[in-house]
Amino acid sequence: MKRQRMTSAVVAVGAALAVIVTTSGTASAAKGTFVIGDTAVLTDPQDETCYPIEIKKGKTIYNRTDRSAKMYKDQDCTTYVFDIGRKGKTGQSSIDAKWSVKFRKSG
């Protein structure tokens, strides 16, 4: 009887670990930094997460991640404007503005 309980406990622990292993690591993230001017504002951002950012007029935007950066002209990622491609593609703000950005794995 004691052996059966021990076996059941081992099976239960094994099943719990299997669930943890198969469900962890499902979130995907960009690798690299998103830079405004000379300041890194995001490092290894999560895919499909909305990040509010502030960009001053004349500042260059560098997307140094391995994902495309979707730029929005609001703080909650609702009004899409343009993409900044991955790895070093740049854009420049023509006004002081509060924007937001989401990163998306292409393909």
N, C-alpha and C. Protein backbone atom coordinates (compact mmCIF):
# COMPACT_ATOMS: atom_id res chain seq x y z
N MET A 1 0.82 -1.19 0.00
CA MET A 1 0.00 0.00 0.00
C MET A 1 0.86 1.25 0.00
N LYS A 2 1.90 1.24 0.86
CA LYS A 2 2.79 2.39 0.94
C LYS A 2 3.53 2.59 -0.39
N ARG A 3 3.93 1.48 -1.01
CA ARG A 3 4.64 1.54 -2.29
C ARG A 3 3.73 2.13 -3.38
N GLN A 4 2.45 1.78 -3.36
CA GLN A 4 1.50 2.28 -4.35
C GLN A 4 1.33 3.79 -4.20
N ARG A 5 1.25 4.29 -2.97
CA ARG A 5 1.13 5.74 -2.74
C ARG A 5 2.38 6.46 -3.23
N MET A 6 3.54 5.86 -2.96
CA MET A 6 4.80 6.46 -3.40
C MET A 6 4.85 6.53 -4.92
N THR A 7 4.44 5.47 -5.59
CA THR A 7 4.42 5.44 -7.06
C THR A 7 3.45 6.49 -7.58
N SER A 8 2.28 6.61 -6.97
CA SER A 8 1.30 7.62 -7.38
C SER A 8 1.85 9.02 -7.21
N ALA A 9 2.55 9.26 -6.12
CA ALA A 9 3.14 10.58 -5.88
C ALA A 9 4.20 10.90 -6.92
N VAL A 10 5.03 9.93 -7.26
CA VAL A 10 6.07 10.14 -8.27
C VAL A 10 5.43 10.43 -9.62
N VAL A 11 4.38 9.70 -9.98
CA VAL A 11 3.68 9.94 -11.24
C VAL A 11 3.07 11.34 -11.25
N ALA A 12 2.45 11.75 -10.15
CA ALA A 12 1.85 13.09 -10.07
C ALA A 12 2.89 14.18 -10.23
N VAL A 13 4.02 14.03 -9.56
CA VAL A 13 5.10 15.02 -9.68
C VAL A 13 5.62 15.06 -11.10
N GLY A 14 5.80 13.90 -11.71
CA GLY A 14 6.27 13.84 -13.09
C GLY A 14 5.31 14.52 -14.05
N ALA A 15 4.01 14.29 -13.85
CA ALA A 15 3.01 14.93 -14.70
C ALA A 15 3.03 16.44 -14.53
N ALA A 16 3.17 16.91 -13.30
CA ALA A 16 3.24 18.36 -13.05
C ALA A 16 4.46 18.96 -13.72
N LEU A 17 5.59 18.29 -13.64
CA LEU A 17 6.80 18.80 -14.30
C LEU A 17 6.63 18.81 -15.81
N ALA A 18 5.96 17.82 -16.37
CA ALA A 18 5.73 17.79 -17.81
C ALA A 18 4.90 18.98 -18.25
N VAL A 19 3.89 19.33 -17.46
CA VAL A 19 3.06 20.50 -17.77
C VAL A 19 3.90 21.77 -17.72
N ILE A 20 4.72 21.92 -16.70
CA ILE A 20 5.57 23.11 -16.57
C ILE A 20 6.52 23.22 -17.74
N VAL A 21 7.15 22.13 -18.12
CA VAL A 21 8.12 22.15 -19.21
C VAL A 21 7.45 22.48 -20.53
N THR A 22 6.26 21.94 -20.79
CA THR A 22 5.62 22.18 -22.07
C THR A 22 4.96 23.55 -22.15
N THR A 23 4.62 24.16 -21.01
CA THR A 23 3.97 25.47 -21.07
C THR A 23 4.93 26.62 -20.85
N SER A 24 6.09 26.38 -20.26
CA SER A 24 7.02 27.49 -20.06
C SER A 24 7.75 27.77 -21.35
N GLY A 25 8.17 29.02 -21.52
CA GLY A 25 8.91 29.39 -22.71
C GLY A 25 8.05 29.63 -23.93
N THR A 26 6.72 29.77 -23.74
CA THR A 26 5.86 30.00 -24.89
C THR A 26 5.90 31.45 -25.35
N ALA A 27 6.27 32.37 -24.48
CA ALA A 27 6.38 33.77 -24.87
C ALA A 27 7.63 33.94 -25.73
N SER A 28 7.47 34.75 -26.76
CA SER A 28 8.58 34.98 -27.67
C SER A 28 9.04 36.43 -27.52
N ALA A 29 10.31 36.64 -27.68
CA ALA A 29 10.85 37.99 -27.52
C ALA A 29 11.84 38.30 -28.62
N ALA A 30 11.90 39.58 -28.96
CA ALA A 30 12.93 40.06 -29.88
C ALA A 30 14.27 40.02 -29.16
N LYS A 31 15.31 39.86 -29.90
CA LYS A 31 16.67 39.94 -29.35
C LYS A 31 17.29 41.23 -29.86
N GLY A 32 17.80 42.04 -28.95
CA GLY A 32 18.44 43.29 -29.34
C GLY A 32 17.81 44.48 -28.65
N THR A 33 18.15 45.68 -29.13
CA THR A 33 17.67 46.91 -28.50
C THR A 33 16.95 47.81 -29.49
N PHE A 34 16.02 48.58 -28.96
CA PHE A 34 15.31 49.62 -29.68
C PHE A 34 15.83 50.92 -29.11
N VAL A 35 16.38 51.77 -29.96
CA VAL A 35 17.11 52.96 -29.51
C VAL A 35 16.46 54.22 -30.06
N ILE A 36 16.34 55.24 -29.22
CA ILE A 36 15.89 56.56 -29.65
C ILE A 36 17.03 57.52 -29.37
N GLY A 37 17.52 58.18 -30.42
CA GLY A 37 18.69 59.04 -30.28
C GLY A 37 19.88 58.17 -29.91
N ASP A 38 20.45 58.41 -28.75
CA ASP A 38 21.56 57.57 -28.29
C ASP A 38 21.20 56.79 -27.02
N THR A 39 19.89 56.64 -26.78
CA THR A 39 19.42 55.96 -25.57
C THR A 39 18.68 54.67 -25.92
N ALA A 40 19.15 53.56 -25.37
CA ALA A 40 18.44 52.28 -25.53
C ALA A 40 17.20 52.33 -24.64
N VAL A 41 16.03 52.29 -25.24
CA VAL A 41 14.79 52.38 -24.46
C VAL A 41 14.14 51.02 -24.21
N LEU A 42 14.42 50.04 -25.05
CA LEU A 42 13.88 48.69 -24.85
C LEU A 42 14.97 47.68 -25.18
N THR A 43 15.11 46.68 -24.35
CA THR A 43 16.06 45.60 -24.59
C THR A 43 15.31 44.27 -24.56
N ASP A 44 15.46 43.49 -25.61
CA ASP A 44 14.80 42.19 -25.76
C ASP A 44 13.29 42.28 -25.47
N PRO A 45 12.57 43.17 -26.19
CA PRO A 45 11.14 43.33 -25.92
C PRO A 45 10.33 42.10 -26.32
N GLN A 46 9.24 41.85 -25.60
CA GLN A 46 8.35 40.73 -25.90
C GLN A 46 7.58 41.00 -27.19
N ASP A 47 7.38 39.95 -27.99
CA ASP A 47 6.57 40.06 -29.20
C ASP A 47 5.12 40.40 -28.83
N GLU A 48 4.50 41.22 -29.68
CA GLU A 48 3.09 41.58 -29.57
C GLU A 48 2.71 42.28 -28.27
N THR A 49 3.68 42.85 -27.57
CA THR A 49 3.41 43.66 -26.38
C THR A 49 3.49 45.12 -26.79
N CYS A 50 2.54 45.93 -26.35
CA CYS A 50 2.53 47.35 -26.67
C CYS A 50 3.40 48.11 -25.68
N TYR A 51 4.37 48.85 -26.21
CA TYR A 51 5.27 49.66 -25.38
C TYR A 51 5.07 51.14 -25.70
N PRO A 52 4.54 51.94 -24.76
CA PRO A 52 4.45 53.39 -24.98
C PRO A 52 5.85 54.00 -24.92
N ILE A 53 6.13 54.90 -25.85
CA ILE A 53 7.43 55.57 -25.91
C ILE A 53 7.23 57.04 -26.24
N GLU A 54 8.23 57.85 -25.92
CA GLU A 54 8.19 59.27 -26.26
C GLU A 54 9.38 59.57 -27.16
N ILE A 55 9.10 60.23 -28.27
CA ILE A 55 10.15 60.55 -29.24
C ILE A 55 10.19 62.05 -29.45
N LYS A 56 11.34 62.64 -29.28
CA LYS A 56 11.52 64.08 -29.49
C LYS A 56 11.83 64.36 -30.96
N LYS A 57 11.39 65.52 -31.43
CA LYS A 57 11.63 65.93 -32.81
C LYS A 57 13.11 65.82 -33.16
N GLY A 58 13.37 65.25 -34.31
CA GLY A 58 14.74 65.15 -34.82
C GLY A 58 15.51 63.94 -34.32
N LYS A 59 14.95 63.21 -33.37
CA LYS A 59 15.64 62.03 -32.85
C LYS A 59 15.50 60.88 -33.86
N THR A 60 16.59 60.19 -34.07
CA THR A 60 16.58 59.04 -34.96
C THR A 60 16.18 57.80 -34.17
N ILE A 61 15.39 56.96 -34.80
CA ILE A 61 14.91 55.73 -34.19
C ILE A 61 15.68 54.57 -34.82
N TYR A 62 16.34 53.80 -33.99
CA TYR A 62 17.09 52.64 -34.46
C TYR A 62 16.45 51.37 -33.93
N ASN A 63 16.03 50.52 -34.81
CA ASN A 63 15.51 49.22 -34.40
C ASN A 63 16.64 48.21 -34.57
N ARG A 64 17.32 47.93 -33.50
CA ARG A 64 18.45 46.99 -33.54
C ARG A 64 18.05 45.64 -32.96
N THR A 65 16.80 45.25 -33.22
CA THR A 65 16.33 43.94 -32.80
C THR A 65 16.23 43.03 -34.03
N ASP A 66 15.91 41.78 -33.79
CA ASP A 66 15.71 40.83 -34.88
C ASP A 66 14.24 40.73 -35.28
N ARG A 67 13.45 41.72 -34.91
CA ARG A 67 12.02 41.76 -35.24
C ARG A 67 11.70 43.08 -35.93
N SER A 68 10.62 43.09 -36.69
CA SER A 68 10.08 44.32 -37.25
C SER A 68 9.38 45.08 -36.13
N ALA A 69 9.55 46.41 -36.11
CA ALA A 69 8.90 47.26 -35.10
C ALA A 69 7.74 47.99 -35.76
N LYS A 70 6.54 47.75 -35.28
CA LYS A 70 5.35 48.43 -35.79
C LYS A 70 5.13 49.68 -34.95
N MET A 71 5.13 50.83 -35.59
CA MET A 71 5.00 52.11 -34.90
C MET A 71 3.55 52.60 -34.96
N TYR A 72 3.08 53.11 -33.81
CA TYR A 72 1.72 53.63 -33.68
C TYR A 72 1.77 55.06 -33.17
N LYS A 73 0.85 55.90 -33.64
CA LYS A 73 0.87 57.32 -33.26
C LYS A 73 0.02 57.61 -32.02
N ASP A 74 -0.06 56.65 -31.14
CA ASP A 74 -0.76 56.80 -29.87
C ASP A 74 -0.03 55.95 -28.84
N GLN A 75 -0.48 55.97 -27.62
CA GLN A 75 0.21 55.26 -26.54
C GLN A 75 -0.33 53.84 -26.30
N ASP A 76 -1.37 53.43 -27.05
CA ASP A 76 -1.96 52.11 -26.80
C ASP A 76 -2.00 51.20 -28.03
N CYS A 77 -1.14 51.48 -29.00
CA CYS A 77 -0.98 50.62 -30.19
C CYS A 77 -2.29 50.40 -30.95
N THR A 78 -3.05 51.48 -31.16
CA THR A 78 -4.29 51.34 -31.93
C THR A 78 -4.21 51.99 -33.31
N THR A 79 -3.44 53.05 -33.47
CA THR A 79 -3.38 53.75 -34.76
C THR A 79 -2.02 53.51 -35.41
N TYR A 80 -1.98 52.45 -36.24
CA TYR A 80 -0.74 52.04 -36.90
C TYR A 80 -0.30 53.10 -37.92
N VAL A 81 1.02 53.36 -37.97
CA VAL A 81 1.56 54.34 -38.91
C VAL A 81 2.55 53.69 -39.89
N PHE A 82 3.59 53.03 -39.37
CA PHE A 82 4.59 52.44 -40.25
C PHE A 82 5.42 51.39 -39.51
N ASP A 83 6.19 50.64 -40.29
CA ASP A 83 7.13 49.65 -39.74
C ASP A 83 8.55 50.19 -39.83
N ILE A 84 9.36 49.83 -38.85
CA ILE A 84 10.81 50.01 -38.96
C ILE A 84 11.37 48.59 -39.00
N GLY A 85 12.03 48.27 -40.08
CA GLY A 85 12.55 46.92 -40.27
C GLY A 85 13.54 46.53 -39.20
N ARG A 86 13.89 45.27 -39.19
CA ARG A 86 14.78 44.73 -38.17
C ARG A 86 16.24 45.04 -38.45
N LYS A 87 17.04 44.95 -37.42
CA LYS A 87 18.51 45.06 -37.48
C LYS A 87 19.02 46.32 -38.18
N GLY A 88 18.93 47.43 -37.48
CA GLY A 88 19.61 48.64 -37.91
C GLY A 88 18.85 49.56 -38.85
N LYS A 89 17.64 49.18 -39.24
CA LYS A 89 16.85 50.07 -40.08
C LYS A 89 16.46 51.28 -39.23
N THR A 90 16.41 52.44 -39.82
CA THR A 90 16.16 53.65 -39.03
C THR A 90 14.99 54.46 -39.55
N GLY A 91 14.49 55.31 -38.69
CA GLY A 91 13.48 56.29 -39.03
C GLY A 91 13.75 57.52 -38.19
N GLN A 92 13.13 58.64 -38.52
CA GLN A 92 13.37 59.86 -37.75
C GLN A 92 12.05 60.56 -37.50
N SER A 93 11.88 61.04 -36.27
CA SER A 93 10.65 61.73 -35.91
C SER A 93 10.68 63.17 -36.40
N SER A 94 9.57 63.60 -36.99
CA SER A 94 9.49 64.99 -37.46
C SER A 94 8.82 65.89 -36.43
N ILE A 95 8.29 65.32 -35.35
CA ILE A 95 7.63 66.10 -34.29
C ILE A 95 7.92 65.46 -32.93
N ASP A 96 7.72 66.25 -31.86
CA ASP A 96 7.71 65.67 -30.51
C ASP A 96 6.39 64.89 -30.40
N ALA A 97 6.46 63.65 -29.99
CA ALA A 97 5.22 62.89 -29.94
C ALA A 97 5.33 61.72 -28.98
N LYS A 98 4.17 61.33 -28.47
CA LYS A 98 4.06 60.11 -27.68
C LYS A 98 3.55 59.02 -28.62
N TRP A 99 4.36 58.01 -28.79
CA TRP A 99 4.08 56.91 -29.70
C TRP A 99 3.95 55.63 -28.90
N SER A 100 3.78 54.54 -29.62
CA SER A 100 3.90 53.21 -29.04
C SER A 100 4.45 52.29 -30.12
N VAL A 101 4.98 51.16 -29.68
CA VAL A 101 5.63 50.23 -30.61
C VAL A 101 5.33 48.80 -30.18
N LYS A 102 5.16 47.93 -31.17
CA LYS A 102 5.02 46.49 -30.96
C LYS A 102 6.04 45.80 -31.85
N PHE A 103 6.56 44.69 -31.39
CA PHE A 103 7.53 43.93 -32.16
C PHE A 103 6.87 42.65 -32.64
N ARG A 104 7.16 42.31 -33.89
CA ARG A 104 6.54 41.13 -34.48
C ARG A 104 7.57 40.34 -35.27
N LYS A 105 7.58 39.05 -35.02
CA LYS A 105 8.45 38.15 -35.77
C LYS A 105 7.88 38.04 -37.18
N SER A 106 8.72 38.28 -38.18
CA SER A 106 8.24 38.21 -39.55
C SER A 106 8.08 36.76 -39.97
N GLY A 107 7.16 36.56 -40.89
CA GLY A 107 6.97 35.21 -41.43
C GLY A 107 5.84 34.54 -40.89
